[in-house]
Amino acid sequence: MRVLEVITGGEPGGAQRHVAELSRYLKAKDHEVMVVHGGGSWLTKILGPEIATRYVASLVRAVKPTKDIAALHRLQRVMTEYHPHVVHLHSSKAGILGRWAAWRNGIPSVYTAHGYVFEDPTLSNVMRGIYRRLESFAAAHSAATIVVSRRDFTFAAAHTKNHQAHYISNGVAPVGSGVRRIHVPPVVGFMGRFSREKGLDWIVPAASQHPEYVWRFAGDGTLRSGLVDATRTHSHLQWDGWVDDLDAWFAEVDVLIQPSWKEGAPYTLLDGLVRGVPAVGSRVGGIPEILEPIDPALVIRPGQPDQLVTAIQHALDHRDRLEAPIRRHIEQHFNRDTQLQKVANLLEEVARP
């Protein structure tokens, strides 16, 4: 099977991580894979020379009609040259343009929705409406849609051709357990892209008002300057930059927070939980279905600092009780091998004549 994976950006992120893991998995199963993205060196670097990558400069995140038309034609040319049996799309812009290009080329396509963009309350109602209509059109012209949260399944089932919607959550590999202790003062950790949809707009001001915890922020993005200014003013805030050694970073964190306004099924959350780190997350996307079976008190409304602090303290007070159930829950229900096998099986099914 020849698979074309297409994603808007090649910078670090959850969707990019999924593309990398899936591409390596498909390659190990003797499938041929090419990855197309619109910029950033991380994805190309992590895939290495074993998996071909193609850069499409006009494939940008923002809505830019001239670039979008150019990206559509470029994707069509890539598909004509590569002759994939199936095109697998990720992220909103690539998902819309890529499914349209595949449909025009007569190639079956599958879209993985890593959280629908029209669910993002930080966007205007006009933009959310536009994205919803575009997604409806693209879904009707694809062979199947994969969603990573049950929340998104209803929309996908209603709009995908022949109702070919599939719920396949993200997964992580099990890791070894070790002795954990709570630091003094306790350490609250955030890891992710520094953008408004991740909740940085409200979490940094909230953290600044609570020096009873050390707040560590790992990642980077457009909101970096505001975070850096806060770390200079408040000694209990710390910026760690991008982190490669997850084991070492999570060993220093007592509670992980995922304060997003919009999400799919965030890998950062799963990475912390599989290591036994309790987490507090917003009631958006797939976060509740990950956290509520562990303890409903770990799920909060986004943009509510008082609820956040209460939930953090709850997680600290009950950490010894929570650690073993957390590990079991993630290993049983969010396993990476199971996820990748399900996705590969669906792509094979769609690719058959």
Protein backbone atom coordinates (compact mmCIF):
# COMPACT_ATOMS: atom_id res chain seq x y z
CA MET A 1 0.00 0.00 0.00
CA ARG A 2 1.27 3.47 -0.89
CA VAL A 3 0.16 6.14 1.61
CA LEU A 4 0.41 9.92 1.32
CA GLU A 5 0.28 11.62 4.73
CA VAL A 6 -0.52 15.35 4.57
CA ILE A 7 -0.42 17.84 7.46
CA THR A 8 -0.40 21.64 7.52
CA GLY A 9 2.65 22.29 9.71
CA GLY A 10 5.81 20.30 10.38
CA GLU A 11 6.61 21.92 13.72
CA PRO A 12 6.34 19.99 17.03
CA GLY A 13 2.76 19.14 18.03
CA GLY A 14 0.38 16.32 18.79
CA ALA A 15 -0.86 15.84 15.22
CA GLN A 16 2.73 15.91 13.94
CA ARG A 17 3.73 13.33 16.51
CA HIS A 18 0.90 11.07 15.34
CA VAL A 19 2.01 11.43 11.71
CA ALA A 20 5.57 10.51 12.67
CA GLU A 21 4.58 7.49 14.75
CA LEU A 22 2.09 6.25 12.17
CA SER A 23 4.50 6.72 9.26
CA ARG A 24 7.18 4.68 11.02
CA TYR A 25 4.61 2.02 11.90
CA LEU A 26 3.40 1.76 8.29
CA LYS A 27 6.99 1.64 7.03
CA ALA A 28 7.74 -1.24 9.42
CA LYS A 29 4.72 -3.07 7.96
CA ASP A 30 6.30 -2.78 4.48
CA HIS A 31 4.01 -0.01 3.25
CA GLU A 32 5.37 2.91 1.25
CA VAL A 33 4.88 6.33 2.87
CA MET A 34 5.44 9.94 1.85
CA VAL A 35 4.74 12.89 4.18
CA VAL A 36 3.78 16.35 2.91
CA HIS A 37 3.73 19.39 5.20
CA GLY A 38 3.74 23.17 4.98
CA GLY A 39 6.81 24.12 7.00
CA GLY A 40 8.91 23.56 10.10
CA SER A 41 11.91 21.25 10.27
CA TRP A 42 10.87 19.03 13.22
CA LEU A 43 8.76 16.50 11.32
CA THR A 44 11.25 16.06 8.49
CA LYS A 45 14.10 15.69 10.98
CA ILE A 46 12.37 13.12 13.18
CA LEU A 47 11.30 11.00 10.20
CA GLY A 48 14.85 10.89 8.87
CA PRO A 49 15.92 9.72 5.42
CA GLU A 50 13.92 6.48 5.61
CA ILE A 51 10.60 8.26 4.95
CA ALA A 52 10.30 10.77 2.10
CA THR A 53 8.96 14.23 2.95
CA ARG A 54 7.78 17.00 0.66
CA TYR A 55 7.50 20.69 1.57
CA VAL A 56 4.60 22.77 0.21
CA ALA A 57 5.29 26.42 1.08
CA SER A 58 1.76 27.60 0.27
CA LEU A 59 0.20 25.21 2.81
CA VAL A 60 -0.18 27.68 5.71
CA ARG A 61 -2.46 27.70 8.77
CA ALA A 62 -4.14 31.06 8.17
CA VAL A 63 -6.90 31.50 5.60
CA LYS A 64 -5.16 33.09 2.58
CA PRO A 65 -7.13 32.51 -0.64
CA THR A 66 -4.17 32.98 -3.01
CA LYS A 67 -1.94 30.60 -1.06
CA ASP A 68 -4.81 28.16 -0.52
CA ILE A 69 -5.48 27.87 -4.25
CA ALA A 70 -1.77 27.38 -4.86
CA ALA A 71 -1.61 24.71 -2.15
CA LEU A 72 -4.59 22.89 -3.66
CA HIS A 73 -2.92 22.72 -7.09
CA ARG A 74 0.41 21.72 -5.56
CA LEU A 75 -1.20 18.89 -3.60
CA GLN A 76 -2.90 17.67 -6.77
CA ARG A 77 0.47 17.59 -8.54
CA VAL A 78 2.08 15.67 -5.70
CA MET A 79 -0.73 13.11 -5.80
CA THR A 80 -0.40 12.77 -9.58
CA GLU A 81 3.35 12.17 -9.26
CA TYR A 82 3.22 9.83 -6.25
CA HIS A 83 0.11 7.77 -7.19
CA PRO A 84 -0.93 6.92 -3.60
CA HIS A 85 -3.52 4.24 -2.92
CA VAL A 86 -4.91 6.38 -0.10
CA VAL A 87 -4.37 9.96 1.14
CA HIS A 88 -4.42 10.48 4.91
CA LEU A 89 -5.00 14.08 6.07
CA HIS A 90 -4.34 15.84 9.38
CA SER A 91 -5.09 19.37 10.72
CA SER A 92 -7.84 21.63 9.47
CA LYS A 93 -6.28 23.37 6.46
CA ALA A 94 -4.57 20.26 5.06
CA GLY A 95 -7.70 18.27 5.82
CA ILE A 96 -9.94 20.53 3.75
CA LEU A 97 -7.59 21.19 0.81
CA GLY A 98 -6.17 17.67 0.79
CA ARG A 99 -9.55 15.93 0.65
CA TRP A 100 -10.64 18.23 -2.14
CA ALA A 101 -7.42 17.50 -4.08
CA ALA A 102 -7.74 13.74 -3.54
CA TRP A 103 -11.40 13.79 -4.66
CA ARG A 104 -10.48 15.68 -7.84
CA ASN A 105 -7.72 13.12 -8.50
CA GLY A 106 -10.02 10.15 -7.86
CA ILE A 107 -8.04 8.94 -4.83
CA PRO A 108 -9.79 7.78 -1.62
CA SER A 109 -8.96 9.90 1.42
CA VAL A 110 -9.18 9.56 5.19
CA TYR A 111 -9.13 12.55 7.55
CA THR A 112 -8.05 12.35 11.18
CA ALA A 113 -9.65 15.20 13.14
CA HIS A 114 -7.32 16.05 16.00
CA GLY A 115 -10.08 18.23 17.46
CA TYR A 116 -12.38 20.16 15.12
CA VAL A 117 -11.29 23.77 14.70
CA PHE A 118 -14.90 25.03 14.76
CA GLU A 119 -15.07 23.90 18.41
CA ASP A 120 -12.47 26.53 19.34
CA PRO A 121 -14.24 29.35 21.29
CA THR A 122 -11.24 31.65 20.76
CA LEU A 123 -12.27 32.00 17.11
CA SER A 124 -15.04 34.34 15.97
CA ASN A 125 -18.48 32.91 15.29
CA VAL A 126 -18.04 33.81 11.62
CA MET A 127 -14.81 31.82 11.30
CA ARG A 128 -16.26 28.89 13.23
CA GLY A 129 -19.24 28.83 10.88
CA ILE A 130 -17.00 28.93 7.80
CA TYR A 131 -14.86 26.08 9.09
CA ARG A 132 -17.95 24.02 9.93
CA ARG A 133 -19.34 24.38 6.40
CA LEU A 134 -15.97 23.60 4.82
CA GLU A 135 -15.59 20.53 7.02
CA SER A 136 -19.07 19.33 6.05
CA PHE A 137 -18.17 19.61 2.36
CA ALA A 138 -14.79 17.90 2.74
CA ALA A 139 -16.20 15.08 4.89
CA ALA A 140 -18.83 14.30 2.27
CA HIS A 141 -16.06 13.86 -0.33
CA SER A 142 -13.82 11.51 1.67
CA ALA A 143 -13.94 7.78 2.31
CA ALA A 144 -13.74 7.99 6.12
CA THR A 145 -13.10 10.25 9.09
CA ILE A 146 -11.21 9.34 12.25
CA VAL A 147 -11.95 11.27 15.44
CA VAL A 148 -9.82 11.05 18.58
CA SER A 149 -12.63 11.94 21.00
CA ARG A 150 -16.18 10.70 21.41
CA ARG A 151 -17.33 14.32 21.57
CA ASP A 152 -16.46 14.76 17.87
CA PHE A 153 -17.94 11.45 16.73
CA THR A 154 -21.51 12.71 16.32
CA PHE A 155 -20.51 15.41 13.84
CA ALA A 156 -18.26 13.03 11.91
CA ALA A 157 -20.93 10.33 11.67
CA ALA A 158 -23.50 12.82 10.37
CA HIS A 159 -21.31 14.31 7.65
CA THR A 160 -18.97 11.57 6.40
CA LYS A 161 -20.00 9.79 3.22
CA ASN A 162 -21.83 6.55 4.04
CA HIS A 163 -21.36 7.45 7.72
CA GLN A 164 -17.79 6.13 7.68
CA ALA A 165 -16.80 7.68 11.02
CA HIS A 166 -14.38 5.92 13.35
CA TYR A 167 -13.41 6.71 16.94
CA ILE A 168 -9.72 5.88 17.48
CA SER A 169 -8.20 7.72 20.41
CA ASN A 170 -4.53 8.64 20.66
CA GLY A 171 -2.32 6.23 22.55
CA VAL A 172 1.06 6.07 24.28
CA ALA A 173 3.52 3.31 25.04
CA PRO A 174 3.76 1.99 28.63
CA VAL A 175 6.73 3.23 30.66
CA GLY A 176 8.41 1.90 33.77
CA SER A 177 7.21 3.01 37.20
CA GLY A 178 9.40 4.54 39.86
CA VAL A 179 9.17 6.03 43.34
CA ARG A 180 7.61 9.49 43.23
CA ARG A 181 7.53 12.13 45.94
CA ILE A 182 5.82 15.49 46.12
CA HIS A 183 8.21 18.40 45.92
CA VAL A 184 8.24 21.27 48.41
CA PRO A 185 6.70 23.51 47.24
CA PRO A 186 4.62 21.35 44.86
CA VAL A 187 5.38 21.67 41.15
CA VAL A 188 2.58 22.27 38.63
CA GLY A 189 3.55 21.56 35.03
CA PHE A 190 2.23 22.63 31.63
CA MET A 191 3.58 21.23 28.37
CA GLY A 192 2.36 22.21 24.92
CA ARG A 193 2.22 24.84 22.22
CA PHE A 194 2.10 28.39 23.55
CA SER A 195 -1.10 29.46 21.82
CA ARG A 196 -4.41 30.82 23.06
CA GLU A 197 -6.34 27.63 22.30
CA LYS A 198 -4.11 25.87 24.85
CA GLY A 199 -5.31 28.24 27.58
CA LEU A 200 -2.10 30.20 28.06
CA ASP A 201 -4.12 33.44 27.95
CA TRP A 202 -5.74 32.63 31.30
CA ILE A 203 -3.39 30.15 32.94
CA VAL A 204 -0.34 32.44 33.11
CA PRO A 205 -2.21 35.25 34.97
CA ALA A 206 -3.74 32.62 37.28
CA ALA A 207 -0.35 31.04 38.01
CA SER A 208 1.13 34.46 38.78
CA GLN A 209 -1.35 34.83 41.65
CA HIS A 210 -0.46 31.49 43.33
CA PRO A 211 3.11 31.42 44.65
CA GLU A 212 2.27 28.43 46.87
CA TYR A 213 3.18 26.32 43.81
CA VAL A 214 6.10 26.33 41.39
CA TRP A 215 4.71 26.56 37.84
CA ARG A 216 6.86 25.07 35.06
CA PHE A 217 5.98 25.70 31.41
CA ALA A 218 7.52 23.52 28.71
CA GLY A 219 7.05 24.38 25.04
CA ASP A 220 7.09 27.41 22.78
CA GLY A 221 4.85 29.41 20.48
CA THR A 222 3.31 32.76 19.70
CA LEU A 223 2.53 33.60 23.35
CA ARG A 224 6.10 33.05 24.53
CA SER A 225 6.84 36.74 25.16
CA GLY A 226 4.00 37.09 27.67
CA LEU A 227 5.16 34.00 29.53
CA VAL A 228 8.79 35.12 29.58
CA ASP A 229 7.74 38.52 30.97
CA ALA A 230 5.77 36.73 33.70
CA THR A 231 8.78 34.57 34.66
CA ARG A 232 10.89 37.70 35.07
CA THR A 233 8.31 39.23 37.39
CA HIS A 234 7.35 36.13 39.37
CA SER A 235 10.09 33.83 40.64
CA HIS A 236 7.69 30.89 41.07
CA LEU A 237 7.11 30.74 37.28
CA GLN A 238 9.66 28.96 35.09
CA TRP A 239 9.98 28.45 31.32
CA ASP A 240 11.72 25.22 30.31
CA GLY A 241 11.56 25.59 26.52
CA TRP A 242 11.06 22.52 24.35
CA VAL A 243 11.71 19.33 26.31
CA ASP A 244 13.15 16.19 24.70
CA ASP A 245 13.61 14.06 27.83
CA LEU A 246 10.02 13.44 28.94
CA ASP A 247 10.98 11.08 31.75
CA ALA A 248 13.22 13.67 33.39
CA TRP A 249 10.70 16.50 33.03
CA PHE A 250 7.71 14.56 34.34
CA ALA A 251 9.81 13.33 37.28
CA GLU A 252 9.99 16.98 38.38
CA VAL A 253 6.23 17.59 38.07
CA ASP A 254 3.68 16.77 40.78
CA VAL A 255 0.52 17.75 38.88
CA LEU A 256 0.11 18.27 35.15
CA ILE A 257 -2.42 20.81 33.82
CA GLN A 258 -4.17 20.89 30.43
CA PRO A 259 -6.18 24.15 30.60
CA SER A 260 -7.16 24.23 26.90
CA TRP A 261 -10.10 25.98 25.28
CA LYS A 262 -10.08 23.39 22.46
CA GLU A 263 -8.52 19.93 22.26
CA GLY A 264 -8.58 16.51 20.68
CA ALA A 265 -6.97 13.82 22.83
CA PRO A 266 -3.73 15.56 23.92
CA TYR A 267 -0.58 13.45 23.95
CA THR A 268 0.91 15.56 26.73
CA LEU A 269 -1.91 14.52 29.02
CA LEU A 270 -1.40 10.84 28.17
CA ASP A 271 2.39 11.15 28.54
CA GLY A 272 2.03 12.43 32.08
CA LEU A 273 -0.67 10.00 33.15
CA VAL A 274 1.14 6.91 31.88
CA ARG A 275 4.01 7.95 34.17
CA GLY A 276 1.65 8.17 37.13
CA VAL A 277 1.45 11.99 37.22
CA PRO A 278 -2.09 13.14 38.11
CA ALA A 279 -3.53 15.75 35.77
CA VAL A 280 -6.15 18.47 35.77
CA GLY A 281 -7.80 19.32 32.45
CA SER A 282 -10.54 21.38 30.84
CA ARG A 283 -13.93 19.95 29.92
CA VAL A 284 -13.21 20.09 26.18
CA GLY A 285 -12.54 17.52 23.46
CA GLY A 286 -11.36 14.15 24.69
CA ILE A 287 -10.04 15.38 28.04
CA PRO A 288 -13.13 14.38 30.09
CA GLU A 289 -13.19 10.83 28.70
CA ILE A 290 -9.54 10.48 29.69
CA LEU A 291 -9.76 11.99 33.19
CA GLU A 292 -13.29 11.39 34.50
CA PRO A 293 -12.92 7.60 34.83
CA ILE A 294 -9.93 8.29 37.07
CA ASP A 295 -11.55 11.03 39.18
CA PRO A 296 -14.26 13.49 38.04
CA ALA A 297 -12.78 16.17 40.31
CA LEU A 298 -9.83 16.45 37.92
CA VAL A 299 -11.99 18.00 35.16
CA ILE A 300 -12.76 21.74 35.26
CA ARG A 301 -14.37 24.41 33.11
CA PRO A 302 -11.78 26.34 31.06
CA GLY A 303 -11.02 29.87 32.17
CA GLN A 304 -11.86 29.23 35.86
CA PRO A 305 -8.74 29.86 38.04
CA ASP A 306 -10.50 29.01 41.32
CA GLN A 307 -11.65 25.64 39.98
CA LEU A 308 -8.15 24.99 38.68
CA VAL A 309 -6.46 25.59 42.02
CA THR A 310 -9.04 23.49 43.87
CA ALA A 311 -8.51 20.61 41.42
CA ILE A 312 -4.71 20.90 41.67
CA GLN A 313 -4.85 20.65 45.44
CA HIS A 314 -7.26 17.70 45.18
CA ALA A 315 -4.79 15.90 42.91
CA LEU A 316 -1.94 16.55 45.36
CA ASP A 317 -3.97 15.39 48.35
CA HIS A 318 -4.98 12.14 46.63
CA ARG A 319 -1.91 11.40 44.55
CA ASP A 320 -0.92 8.19 46.34
CA ARG A 321 -4.43 6.81 45.81
CA LEU A 322 -4.56 7.88 42.18
CA GLU A 323 -1.18 6.79 40.82
CA ALA A 324 -1.85 3.07 40.26
CA PRO A 325 -5.38 3.54 38.79
CA ILE A 326 -4.02 6.26 36.49
CA ARG A 327 -1.37 3.95 35.02
CA ARG A 328 -3.81 1.06 34.56
CA HIS A 329 -6.42 3.26 32.90
CA ILE A 330 -4.01 4.67 30.32
CA GLU A 331 -2.30 1.36 29.57
CA GLN A 332 -5.65 -0.40 29.05
CA HIS A 333 -7.58 2.24 27.10
CA PHE A 334 -5.01 4.49 25.42
CA ASN A 335 -2.40 2.08 24.06
CA ARG A 336 -0.25 3.29 21.16
CA ASP A 337 0.08 -0.08 19.39
CA THR A 338 -3.68 -0.57 19.42
CA GLN A 339 -4.21 2.93 18.03
CA LEU A 340 -1.70 2.55 15.20
CA GLN A 341 -2.98 -0.89 14.22
CA LYS A 342 -6.57 0.39 13.99
CA VAL A 343 -5.54 3.34 11.83
CA ALA A 344 -3.41 1.14 9.56
CA ASN A 345 -6.26 -1.37 9.17
CA LEU A 346 -8.66 1.41 8.14
CA LEU A 347 -6.21 2.83 5.59
CA GLU A 348 -5.75 -0.65 4.11
CA GLU A 349 -9.51 -1.10 3.89
CA VAL A 350 -10.02 2.25 2.16
CA ALA A 351 -7.11 1.65 -0.22
CA ARG A 352 -8.53 -1.61 -1.62
CA PRO A 353 -9.99 -1.21 -5.13
